[in-house]
N, C-alpha and C. Protein backbone atom coordinates (compact mmCIF):
# COMPACT_ATOMS: atom_id res chain seq x y z
N MET A 1 22.08 -61.26 -3.75
CA MET A 1 21.93 -60.08 -4.57
C MET A 1 20.61 -60.13 -5.35
N ARG A 2 20.34 -61.31 -5.94
CA ARG A 2 19.10 -61.45 -6.70
C ARG A 2 17.87 -61.25 -5.82
N ASP A 3 17.91 -61.78 -4.62
CA ASP A 3 16.78 -61.63 -3.70
C ASP A 3 16.57 -60.17 -3.33
N THR A 4 17.66 -59.41 -3.21
CA THR A 4 17.56 -57.98 -2.90
C THR A 4 16.89 -57.24 -4.04
N ILE A 5 17.29 -57.55 -5.26
CA ILE A 5 16.70 -56.91 -6.45
C ILE A 5 15.21 -57.25 -6.53
N LYS A 6 14.87 -58.48 -6.31
CA LYS A 6 13.46 -58.89 -6.33
C LYS A 6 12.67 -58.16 -5.25
N SER A 7 13.27 -58.02 -4.08
CA SER A 7 12.60 -57.31 -2.98
C SER A 7 12.37 -55.85 -3.33
N VAL A 8 13.37 -55.22 -3.95
CA VAL A 8 13.25 -53.82 -4.35
C VAL A 8 12.17 -53.67 -5.41
N ILE A 9 12.16 -54.54 -6.39
CA ILE A 9 11.15 -54.51 -7.45
C ILE A 9 9.76 -54.71 -6.85
N PHE A 10 9.64 -55.63 -5.93
CA PHE A 10 8.37 -55.87 -5.28
C PHE A 10 7.90 -54.63 -4.51
N LEU A 11 8.79 -54.01 -3.76
CA LEU A 11 8.41 -52.82 -3.00
C LEU A 11 8.03 -51.66 -3.90
N VAL A 12 8.77 -51.48 -4.99
CA VAL A 12 8.44 -50.42 -5.95
C VAL A 12 7.06 -50.68 -6.55
N ALA A 13 6.82 -51.92 -6.96
CA ALA A 13 5.51 -52.27 -7.53
C ALA A 13 4.41 -52.06 -6.49
N LEU A 14 4.68 -52.41 -5.26
CA LEU A 14 3.68 -52.27 -4.21
C LEU A 14 3.37 -50.80 -3.93
N PHE A 15 4.39 -49.96 -3.80
CA PHE A 15 4.17 -48.56 -3.42
C PHE A 15 3.79 -47.66 -4.57
N ILE A 16 4.05 -48.07 -5.78
CA ILE A 16 3.65 -47.26 -6.94
C ILE A 16 2.45 -47.90 -7.64
N GLY A 17 2.54 -49.17 -7.87
CA GLY A 17 1.50 -49.87 -8.62
C GLY A 17 0.17 -49.97 -7.89
N LEU A 18 0.22 -50.23 -6.59
CA LEU A 18 -1.00 -50.38 -5.83
C LEU A 18 -1.83 -49.09 -5.80
N PRO A 19 -1.24 -47.93 -5.49
CA PRO A 19 -2.05 -46.70 -5.53
C PRO A 19 -2.62 -46.41 -6.92
N ILE A 20 -1.84 -46.69 -7.95
CA ILE A 20 -2.34 -46.48 -9.32
C ILE A 20 -3.51 -47.41 -9.59
N LEU A 21 -3.40 -48.65 -9.17
CA LEU A 21 -4.48 -49.62 -9.35
C LEU A 21 -5.73 -49.18 -8.59
N ILE A 22 -5.57 -48.70 -7.37
CA ILE A 22 -6.71 -48.25 -6.57
C ILE A 22 -7.40 -47.07 -7.25
N LEU A 23 -6.62 -46.08 -7.71
CA LEU A 23 -7.21 -44.92 -8.39
C LEU A 23 -7.92 -45.34 -9.68
N TRP A 24 -7.32 -46.26 -10.43
CA TRP A 24 -7.93 -46.73 -11.67
C TRP A 24 -9.25 -47.44 -11.38
N LEU A 25 -9.27 -48.28 -10.36
CA LEU A 25 -10.51 -48.99 -10.01
C LEU A 25 -11.58 -48.01 -9.53
N ARG A 26 -11.18 -47.03 -8.74
CA ARG A 26 -12.14 -46.02 -8.27
C ARG A 26 -12.74 -45.26 -9.44
N ASP A 27 -11.92 -44.90 -10.41
CA ASP A 27 -12.40 -44.20 -11.60
C ASP A 27 -13.37 -45.09 -12.39
N ARG A 28 -13.06 -46.36 -12.52
CA ARG A 28 -13.94 -47.28 -13.25
C ARG A 28 -15.29 -47.40 -12.56
N VAL A 29 -15.29 -47.52 -11.24
CA VAL A 29 -16.54 -47.62 -10.48
C VAL A 29 -17.35 -46.33 -10.66
N TYR A 30 -16.70 -45.18 -10.55
CA TYR A 30 -17.38 -43.89 -10.71
C TYR A 30 -18.03 -43.80 -12.10
N ARG A 31 -17.29 -44.16 -13.12
CA ARG A 31 -17.83 -44.11 -14.49
C ARG A 31 -18.99 -45.08 -14.66
N SER A 32 -18.87 -46.27 -14.07
CA SER A 32 -19.94 -47.26 -14.16
C SER A 32 -21.21 -46.74 -13.48
N LEU A 33 -21.06 -46.16 -12.30
CA LEU A 33 -22.22 -45.60 -11.61
C LEU A 33 -22.83 -44.46 -12.40
N ARG A 34 -21.99 -43.65 -13.01
CA ARG A 34 -22.48 -42.52 -13.80
C ARG A 34 -23.27 -43.01 -15.02
N ARG A 35 -22.77 -44.07 -15.66
CA ARG A 35 -23.48 -44.63 -16.81
C ARG A 35 -24.86 -45.16 -16.39
N ARG A 36 -24.90 -45.84 -15.23
CA ARG A 36 -26.17 -46.36 -14.75
C ARG A 36 -27.16 -45.25 -14.47
N ARG A 37 -26.66 -44.15 -13.90
CA ARG A 37 -27.54 -43.02 -13.59
C ARG A 37 -28.09 -42.39 -14.86
N ASN A 38 -27.44 -42.59 -15.97
CA ASN A 38 -27.86 -41.94 -17.20
C ASN A 38 -28.85 -42.77 -18.01
N GLN A 39 -29.41 -43.80 -17.41
CA GLN A 39 -30.43 -44.56 -18.11
C GLN A 39 -31.62 -43.64 -18.35
N PRO A 40 -32.08 -43.55 -19.60
CA PRO A 40 -33.07 -42.54 -19.98
C PRO A 40 -34.33 -42.46 -19.12
N GLU A 41 -34.97 -43.58 -18.83
CA GLU A 41 -36.23 -43.51 -18.09
C GLU A 41 -36.01 -43.04 -16.66
N MET A 42 -34.97 -43.48 -16.01
CA MET A 42 -34.68 -43.03 -14.65
C MET A 42 -34.20 -41.59 -14.65
N LEU A 43 -33.45 -41.25 -15.66
CA LEU A 43 -32.90 -39.91 -15.76
C LEU A 43 -34.00 -38.87 -15.92
N ALA A 44 -34.96 -39.14 -16.79
CA ALA A 44 -36.02 -38.17 -17.05
C ALA A 44 -36.85 -37.90 -15.78
N ALA A 45 -37.26 -38.92 -15.09
CA ALA A 45 -38.07 -38.74 -13.87
C ALA A 45 -37.25 -38.08 -12.77
N GLY A 46 -36.04 -38.53 -12.60
CA GLY A 46 -35.18 -37.95 -11.59
C GLY A 46 -34.84 -36.50 -11.89
N ARG A 47 -34.63 -36.20 -13.15
CA ARG A 47 -34.30 -34.82 -13.53
C ARG A 47 -35.48 -33.89 -13.29
N ARG A 48 -36.68 -34.35 -13.59
CA ARG A 48 -37.86 -33.50 -13.35
C ARG A 48 -37.99 -33.16 -11.86
N ALA A 49 -37.78 -34.14 -11.00
CA ALA A 49 -37.86 -33.90 -9.56
C ALA A 49 -36.74 -32.96 -9.11
N TYR A 50 -35.55 -33.16 -9.66
CA TYR A 50 -34.41 -32.33 -9.32
C TYR A 50 -34.64 -30.88 -9.77
N GLU A 51 -35.14 -30.71 -10.99
CA GLU A 51 -35.43 -29.37 -11.50
C GLU A 51 -36.50 -28.69 -10.66
N SER A 52 -37.46 -29.45 -10.19
CA SER A 52 -38.48 -28.87 -9.33
C SER A 52 -37.84 -28.27 -8.08
N ARG A 53 -36.85 -28.95 -7.54
CA ARG A 53 -36.12 -28.41 -6.38
C ARG A 53 -35.29 -27.19 -6.77
N ILE A 54 -34.66 -27.23 -7.93
CA ILE A 54 -33.85 -26.09 -8.39
C ILE A 54 -34.71 -24.84 -8.51
N LEU A 55 -35.92 -25.02 -8.99
CA LEU A 55 -36.81 -23.88 -9.23
C LEU A 55 -37.47 -23.34 -7.96
N ARG A 56 -37.21 -23.98 -6.81
CA ARG A 56 -37.78 -23.51 -5.55
C ARG A 56 -36.67 -23.27 -4.52
N PRO A 57 -35.77 -22.34 -4.78
CA PRO A 57 -34.69 -22.10 -3.80
C PRO A 57 -35.25 -21.62 -2.47
N ASP A 58 -34.69 -22.09 -1.39
CA ASP A 58 -35.07 -21.67 -0.05
C ASP A 58 -34.10 -20.55 0.34
N TRP A 59 -34.45 -19.32 -0.02
CA TRP A 59 -33.56 -18.19 0.19
C TRP A 59 -33.32 -17.93 1.68
N GLY A 60 -34.32 -18.16 2.51
CA GLY A 60 -34.13 -17.96 3.94
C GLY A 60 -33.05 -18.88 4.49
N LEU A 61 -33.16 -20.17 4.17
CA LEU A 61 -32.16 -21.14 4.60
C LEU A 61 -30.80 -20.79 4.01
N TYR A 62 -30.78 -20.45 2.73
CA TYR A 62 -29.51 -20.17 2.07
C TYR A 62 -28.81 -18.97 2.71
N GLU A 63 -29.57 -17.93 2.99
CA GLU A 63 -28.96 -16.73 3.58
C GLU A 63 -28.56 -16.98 5.03
N ARG A 64 -29.31 -17.77 5.77
CA ARG A 64 -28.89 -18.13 7.14
C ARG A 64 -27.59 -18.91 7.08
N HIS A 65 -27.51 -19.83 6.12
CA HIS A 65 -26.28 -20.62 5.96
C HIS A 65 -25.10 -19.71 5.57
N LEU A 66 -25.33 -18.83 4.61
CA LEU A 66 -24.25 -17.93 4.16
C LEU A 66 -23.87 -16.90 5.23
N GLN A 67 -24.82 -16.60 6.11
CA GLN A 67 -24.64 -15.57 7.14
C GLN A 67 -24.53 -14.18 6.51
N ARG A 68 -25.16 -14.02 5.35
CA ARG A 68 -25.21 -12.73 4.65
C ARG A 68 -26.26 -12.85 3.56
N PRO A 69 -26.68 -11.73 2.99
CA PRO A 69 -27.65 -11.81 1.89
C PRO A 69 -27.09 -12.56 0.68
N ALA A 70 -27.97 -13.24 -0.02
CA ALA A 70 -27.55 -13.92 -1.26
C ALA A 70 -27.15 -12.86 -2.27
N PRO A 71 -26.10 -13.11 -3.04
CA PRO A 71 -25.71 -12.15 -4.07
C PRO A 71 -26.85 -11.92 -5.07
N PRO A 72 -27.08 -10.68 -5.47
CA PRO A 72 -28.14 -10.40 -6.44
C PRO A 72 -28.01 -11.23 -7.72
N ALA A 73 -26.78 -11.45 -8.18
CA ALA A 73 -26.59 -12.24 -9.41
C ALA A 73 -27.07 -13.68 -9.23
N LEU A 74 -26.97 -14.21 -8.01
CA LEU A 74 -27.45 -15.57 -7.75
C LEU A 74 -28.96 -15.60 -7.77
N ARG A 75 -29.58 -14.60 -7.19
CA ARG A 75 -31.05 -14.50 -7.22
C ARG A 75 -31.54 -14.37 -8.66
N GLU A 76 -30.85 -13.56 -9.45
CA GLU A 76 -31.24 -13.39 -10.86
C GLU A 76 -31.06 -14.68 -11.64
N LEU A 77 -29.98 -15.40 -11.37
CA LEU A 77 -29.73 -16.68 -12.04
C LEU A 77 -30.87 -17.64 -11.76
N TYR A 78 -31.25 -17.79 -10.49
CA TYR A 78 -32.31 -18.74 -10.14
C TYR A 78 -33.69 -18.26 -10.56
N ALA A 79 -33.83 -16.99 -10.87
CA ALA A 79 -35.10 -16.47 -11.40
C ALA A 79 -35.25 -16.78 -12.88
N ASP A 80 -34.15 -17.05 -13.57
CA ASP A 80 -34.16 -17.38 -15.00
C ASP A 80 -34.37 -18.89 -15.13
N ARG A 81 -35.61 -19.30 -15.16
CA ARG A 81 -35.98 -20.71 -15.14
C ARG A 81 -35.32 -21.53 -16.24
N ALA A 82 -35.26 -20.98 -17.43
CA ALA A 82 -34.68 -21.74 -18.55
C ALA A 82 -33.17 -21.93 -18.36
N PHE A 83 -32.50 -20.89 -17.90
CA PHE A 83 -31.04 -20.98 -17.78
C PHE A 83 -30.63 -21.85 -16.58
N VAL A 84 -31.32 -21.69 -15.45
CA VAL A 84 -30.92 -22.42 -14.25
C VAL A 84 -31.24 -23.91 -14.36
N THR A 85 -32.11 -24.30 -15.26
CA THR A 85 -32.39 -25.73 -15.47
C THR A 85 -31.63 -26.31 -16.66
N ALA A 86 -30.85 -25.47 -17.33
CA ALA A 86 -30.03 -25.96 -18.45
C ALA A 86 -28.95 -26.90 -17.91
N GLN A 87 -28.50 -27.78 -18.75
CA GLN A 87 -27.47 -28.73 -18.37
C GLN A 87 -26.29 -28.63 -19.33
N ASP A 88 -25.16 -29.11 -18.86
CA ASP A 88 -23.94 -29.20 -19.67
C ASP A 88 -23.58 -27.87 -20.32
N LEU A 89 -23.43 -26.85 -19.50
CA LEU A 89 -23.06 -25.52 -19.98
C LEU A 89 -21.54 -25.38 -20.00
N ASP A 90 -21.01 -24.89 -21.10
CA ASP A 90 -19.58 -24.62 -21.18
C ASP A 90 -19.23 -23.47 -20.26
N TYR A 91 -18.07 -23.57 -19.63
CA TYR A 91 -17.62 -22.46 -18.79
C TYR A 91 -16.36 -21.86 -19.41
N ALA A 92 -15.24 -22.49 -19.23
CA ALA A 92 -13.99 -22.02 -19.82
C ALA A 92 -12.93 -23.11 -19.66
N ASP A 93 -11.98 -23.10 -20.55
CA ASP A 93 -10.85 -24.03 -20.46
C ASP A 93 -11.30 -25.48 -20.27
N GLY A 94 -12.35 -25.87 -20.95
CA GLY A 94 -12.84 -27.25 -20.87
C GLY A 94 -13.73 -27.53 -19.67
N ALA A 95 -13.91 -26.57 -18.78
CA ALA A 95 -14.79 -26.77 -17.63
C ALA A 95 -16.24 -26.67 -18.09
N ARG A 96 -17.09 -27.48 -17.48
CA ARG A 96 -18.51 -27.47 -17.82
C ARG A 96 -19.34 -27.57 -16.55
N ILE A 97 -20.43 -26.83 -16.53
CA ILE A 97 -21.41 -26.96 -15.46
C ILE A 97 -22.36 -28.07 -15.91
N GLY A 98 -22.38 -29.16 -15.18
CA GLY A 98 -23.30 -30.24 -15.52
C GLY A 98 -24.73 -29.84 -15.20
N THR A 99 -24.91 -29.22 -14.05
CA THR A 99 -26.23 -28.78 -13.61
C THR A 99 -26.08 -27.75 -12.50
N PHE A 100 -27.07 -26.91 -12.37
CA PHE A 100 -27.14 -26.06 -11.19
C PHE A 100 -27.74 -26.91 -10.09
N ALA A 101 -27.58 -26.47 -8.86
CA ALA A 101 -27.99 -27.29 -7.72
C ALA A 101 -29.14 -26.63 -6.97
N PRO A 102 -29.97 -27.44 -6.33
CA PRO A 102 -31.05 -26.89 -5.52
C PRO A 102 -30.49 -26.20 -4.28
N LEU A 103 -31.04 -25.05 -3.97
CA LEU A 103 -30.64 -24.31 -2.76
C LEU A 103 -31.66 -24.62 -1.68
N ASP A 104 -31.49 -25.78 -1.07
CA ASP A 104 -32.42 -26.22 -0.04
C ASP A 104 -31.68 -27.06 1.00
N GLU A 105 -32.39 -27.49 2.01
CA GLU A 105 -31.76 -28.25 3.10
C GLU A 105 -31.17 -29.55 2.59
N GLN A 106 -31.86 -30.21 1.69
CA GLN A 106 -31.32 -31.45 1.13
C GLN A 106 -30.02 -31.17 0.38
N GLY A 107 -29.96 -30.03 -0.31
CA GLY A 107 -28.72 -29.65 -1.00
C GLY A 107 -27.58 -29.45 -0.03
N LEU A 108 -27.86 -28.85 1.12
CA LEU A 108 -26.85 -28.67 2.16
C LEU A 108 -26.34 -30.02 2.64
N LEU A 109 -27.27 -30.94 2.90
CA LEU A 109 -26.89 -32.27 3.39
C LEU A 109 -26.08 -33.04 2.34
N GLU A 110 -26.50 -32.94 1.08
CA GLU A 110 -25.79 -33.64 0.01
C GLU A 110 -24.38 -33.09 -0.16
N THR A 111 -24.25 -31.77 -0.14
CA THR A 111 -22.94 -31.17 -0.33
C THR A 111 -22.05 -31.44 0.88
N ARG A 112 -22.61 -31.36 2.07
CA ARG A 112 -21.84 -31.65 3.29
C ARG A 112 -21.30 -33.07 3.25
N GLN A 113 -22.14 -34.00 2.84
CA GLN A 113 -21.72 -35.40 2.77
C GLN A 113 -20.57 -35.56 1.78
N TRP A 114 -20.64 -34.86 0.67
CA TRP A 114 -19.63 -34.99 -0.37
C TRP A 114 -18.34 -34.27 0.00
N LEU A 115 -18.46 -33.02 0.49
CA LEU A 115 -17.28 -32.21 0.78
C LEU A 115 -16.71 -32.43 2.18
N GLY A 116 -17.57 -32.81 3.11
CA GLY A 116 -17.10 -32.99 4.48
C GLY A 116 -17.17 -31.72 5.30
N PHE A 117 -17.77 -30.67 4.78
CA PHE A 117 -17.99 -29.44 5.54
C PHE A 117 -19.26 -28.78 5.03
N ASP A 118 -19.78 -27.82 5.82
CA ASP A 118 -21.04 -27.18 5.48
C ASP A 118 -20.89 -26.24 4.28
N ALA A 119 -21.56 -26.58 3.23
CA ALA A 119 -21.64 -25.74 2.04
C ALA A 119 -22.90 -26.16 1.29
N ILE A 120 -23.46 -25.21 0.58
CA ILE A 120 -24.59 -25.53 -0.30
C ILE A 120 -24.10 -25.27 -1.72
N ALA A 121 -23.99 -26.32 -2.50
CA ALA A 121 -23.53 -26.17 -3.87
C ALA A 121 -24.53 -25.34 -4.67
N ILE A 122 -24.00 -24.46 -5.52
CA ILE A 122 -24.87 -23.73 -6.44
C ILE A 122 -24.83 -24.38 -7.82
N ALA A 123 -23.81 -25.20 -8.03
CA ALA A 123 -23.69 -25.91 -9.30
C ALA A 123 -22.78 -27.12 -9.10
N ILE A 124 -22.89 -28.05 -10.03
CA ILE A 124 -22.07 -29.25 -10.03
C ILE A 124 -21.45 -29.36 -11.42
N THR A 125 -20.16 -29.62 -11.50
CA THR A 125 -19.54 -29.78 -12.81
C THR A 125 -19.95 -31.11 -13.43
N ASP A 126 -19.61 -31.28 -14.69
CA ASP A 126 -19.93 -32.54 -15.34
C ASP A 126 -19.13 -33.71 -14.75
N PHE A 127 -18.11 -33.42 -13.94
CA PHE A 127 -17.35 -34.47 -13.26
C PHE A 127 -17.82 -34.69 -11.83
N GLY A 128 -18.82 -33.93 -11.39
CA GLY A 128 -19.35 -34.10 -10.04
C GLY A 128 -18.69 -33.23 -8.99
N ASP A 129 -17.93 -32.22 -9.42
CA ASP A 129 -17.28 -31.31 -8.47
C ASP A 129 -18.26 -30.23 -8.04
N SER A 130 -18.25 -29.92 -6.74
CA SER A 130 -19.16 -28.91 -6.18
C SER A 130 -18.62 -27.50 -6.37
N ILE A 131 -19.51 -26.61 -6.78
CA ILE A 131 -19.22 -25.19 -6.94
C ILE A 131 -20.10 -24.46 -5.93
N TYR A 132 -19.50 -23.59 -5.10
CA TYR A 132 -20.25 -23.02 -3.99
C TYR A 132 -19.62 -21.71 -3.52
N LEU A 133 -20.36 -21.04 -2.63
CA LEU A 133 -19.86 -19.85 -1.93
C LEU A 133 -19.52 -20.28 -0.50
N ARG A 134 -18.47 -19.73 0.05
CA ARG A 134 -18.14 -20.03 1.44
C ARG A 134 -19.04 -19.21 2.36
N PRO A 135 -19.53 -19.85 3.43
CA PRO A 135 -20.34 -19.10 4.39
C PRO A 135 -19.47 -18.21 5.27
N GLY A 136 -20.08 -17.16 5.78
CA GLY A 136 -19.41 -16.25 6.69
C GLY A 136 -19.80 -14.82 6.37
N SER A 137 -20.11 -14.06 7.39
CA SER A 137 -20.58 -12.69 7.16
C SER A 137 -19.52 -11.81 6.54
N SER A 138 -18.24 -12.14 6.71
CA SER A 138 -17.18 -11.31 6.14
C SER A 138 -16.60 -11.90 4.86
N GLU A 139 -17.14 -13.04 4.42
CA GLU A 139 -16.65 -13.66 3.17
C GLU A 139 -17.10 -12.84 1.96
N ALA A 140 -16.25 -12.82 0.95
CA ALA A 140 -16.61 -12.20 -0.33
C ALA A 140 -17.51 -13.18 -1.08
N ASP A 141 -18.06 -12.74 -2.18
CA ASP A 141 -18.92 -13.62 -2.99
C ASP A 141 -18.10 -14.39 -4.03
N THR A 142 -16.88 -14.75 -3.66
CA THR A 142 -16.01 -15.56 -4.51
C THR A 142 -16.62 -16.95 -4.63
N VAL A 143 -16.56 -17.50 -5.83
CA VAL A 143 -17.12 -18.82 -6.10
C VAL A 143 -15.97 -19.83 -6.11
N TYR A 144 -16.14 -20.90 -5.33
CA TYR A 144 -15.10 -21.92 -5.20
C TYR A 144 -15.55 -23.23 -5.81
N ILE A 145 -14.55 -24.05 -6.14
CA ILE A 145 -14.80 -25.41 -6.61
C ILE A 145 -13.89 -26.34 -5.82
N THR A 146 -14.46 -27.45 -5.37
CA THR A 146 -13.67 -28.49 -4.71
C THR A 146 -13.77 -29.73 -5.58
N HIS A 147 -12.61 -30.23 -5.97
CA HIS A 147 -12.54 -31.38 -6.88
C HIS A 147 -12.69 -32.68 -6.09
N HIS A 148 -13.55 -33.55 -6.60
CA HIS A 148 -13.84 -34.81 -5.90
C HIS A 148 -12.67 -35.78 -5.94
N ASP A 149 -11.81 -35.67 -6.93
CA ASP A 149 -10.75 -36.65 -7.10
C ASP A 149 -9.48 -36.35 -6.32
N GLY A 150 -9.47 -35.28 -5.58
CA GLY A 150 -8.29 -34.98 -4.77
C GLY A 150 -8.62 -34.08 -3.60
N GLY A 151 -9.81 -33.54 -3.63
CA GLY A 151 -10.25 -32.69 -2.54
C GLY A 151 -9.65 -31.29 -2.56
N ASP A 152 -8.88 -30.95 -3.60
CA ASP A 152 -8.31 -29.61 -3.63
C ASP A 152 -9.37 -28.59 -4.01
N THR A 153 -9.25 -27.42 -3.42
CA THR A 153 -10.21 -26.34 -3.62
C THR A 153 -9.51 -25.18 -4.29
N GLU A 154 -10.21 -24.56 -5.24
CA GLU A 154 -9.65 -23.39 -5.92
C GLU A 154 -10.77 -22.42 -6.26
N VAL A 155 -10.38 -21.21 -6.61
CA VAL A 155 -11.35 -20.20 -7.03
C VAL A 155 -11.86 -20.58 -8.41
N PHE A 156 -13.18 -20.64 -8.54
CA PHE A 156 -13.82 -20.93 -9.82
C PHE A 156 -14.12 -19.63 -10.55
N ALA A 157 -14.57 -18.63 -9.79
CA ALA A 157 -14.88 -17.31 -10.35
C ALA A 157 -14.73 -16.27 -9.24
N GLU A 158 -14.39 -15.07 -9.61
CA GLU A 158 -14.20 -14.01 -8.63
C GLU A 158 -15.50 -13.61 -7.95
N SER A 159 -16.63 -13.86 -8.62
CA SER A 159 -17.94 -13.56 -8.04
C SER A 159 -19.00 -14.35 -8.80
N VAL A 160 -20.18 -14.41 -8.21
CA VAL A 160 -21.30 -15.06 -8.89
C VAL A 160 -21.61 -14.31 -10.18
N ALA A 161 -21.58 -12.99 -10.12
CA ALA A 161 -21.87 -12.18 -11.32
C ALA A 161 -20.89 -12.52 -12.44
N ALA A 162 -19.60 -12.63 -12.12
CA ALA A 162 -18.60 -12.97 -13.14
C ALA A 162 -18.83 -14.37 -13.69
N MET A 163 -19.20 -15.32 -12.82
CA MET A 163 -19.47 -16.68 -13.26
C MET A 163 -20.66 -16.72 -14.22
N VAL A 164 -21.74 -16.04 -13.84
CA VAL A 164 -22.95 -16.04 -14.68
C VAL A 164 -22.67 -15.34 -16.02
N GLU A 165 -21.95 -14.24 -15.96
CA GLU A 165 -21.62 -13.53 -17.21
C GLU A 165 -20.83 -14.43 -18.15
N ARG A 166 -19.85 -15.13 -17.60
CA ARG A 166 -19.04 -16.02 -18.44
C ARG A 166 -19.88 -17.18 -18.98
N LEU A 167 -20.74 -17.75 -18.15
CA LEU A 167 -21.61 -18.83 -18.60
C LEU A 167 -22.52 -18.37 -19.74
N ARG A 168 -23.09 -17.21 -19.58
CA ARG A 168 -23.98 -16.69 -20.64
C ARG A 168 -23.19 -16.41 -21.93
N HIS A 169 -21.98 -15.89 -21.77
CA HIS A 169 -21.14 -15.60 -22.94
C HIS A 169 -20.77 -16.89 -23.68
N GLU A 170 -20.36 -17.90 -22.92
CA GLU A 170 -19.92 -19.17 -23.52
C GLU A 170 -21.07 -19.99 -24.10
N ASN A 171 -22.30 -19.71 -23.67
CA ASN A 171 -23.44 -20.54 -24.07
C ASN A 171 -24.52 -19.74 -24.77
N ARG A 172 -24.14 -18.74 -25.52
CA ARG A 172 -25.13 -17.97 -26.28
C ARG A 172 -25.92 -18.91 -27.17
N GLY A 173 -27.19 -18.74 -27.14
CA GLY A 173 -28.05 -19.56 -27.99
C GLY A 173 -28.39 -20.90 -27.36
N ALA A 174 -27.84 -21.16 -26.15
CA ALA A 174 -28.13 -22.47 -25.51
C ALA A 174 -29.44 -22.40 -24.76
């Protein structure tokens, strides 16, 4: 009887404790990498190069990828140099845009590697989640977010215009 109880306890610990331990370790590694990336001297140089890419969207590539014209609100957003290079913008319900993303081939490759499918992120949350439009000539301009910690995808905003309006409202004076 005692051996059976020990076996049950062991199996419960194995099937519940091990996944929790793996998730905890993954979170610790992610936070450690994020802290390293935030070293001031590396961050400043890397950010300048990244902003240079943000300020030069490849609209031809982006529209070929989307298979439709870029939404006017997205073009207006990327034309606003100060706003599109801003960081850590409040969105709603605790969500934050960590940075907008470059609309270029490298952005496509980076997002594909992260998400596992073709998308060009238009923004990244402060947790590293990609925010993007789905490609397709019949797709609406709905903005989606895919969470890195579970891979679930949900609607972030009904449109780029709605997302930008909310960002501007939440970040007045930023």
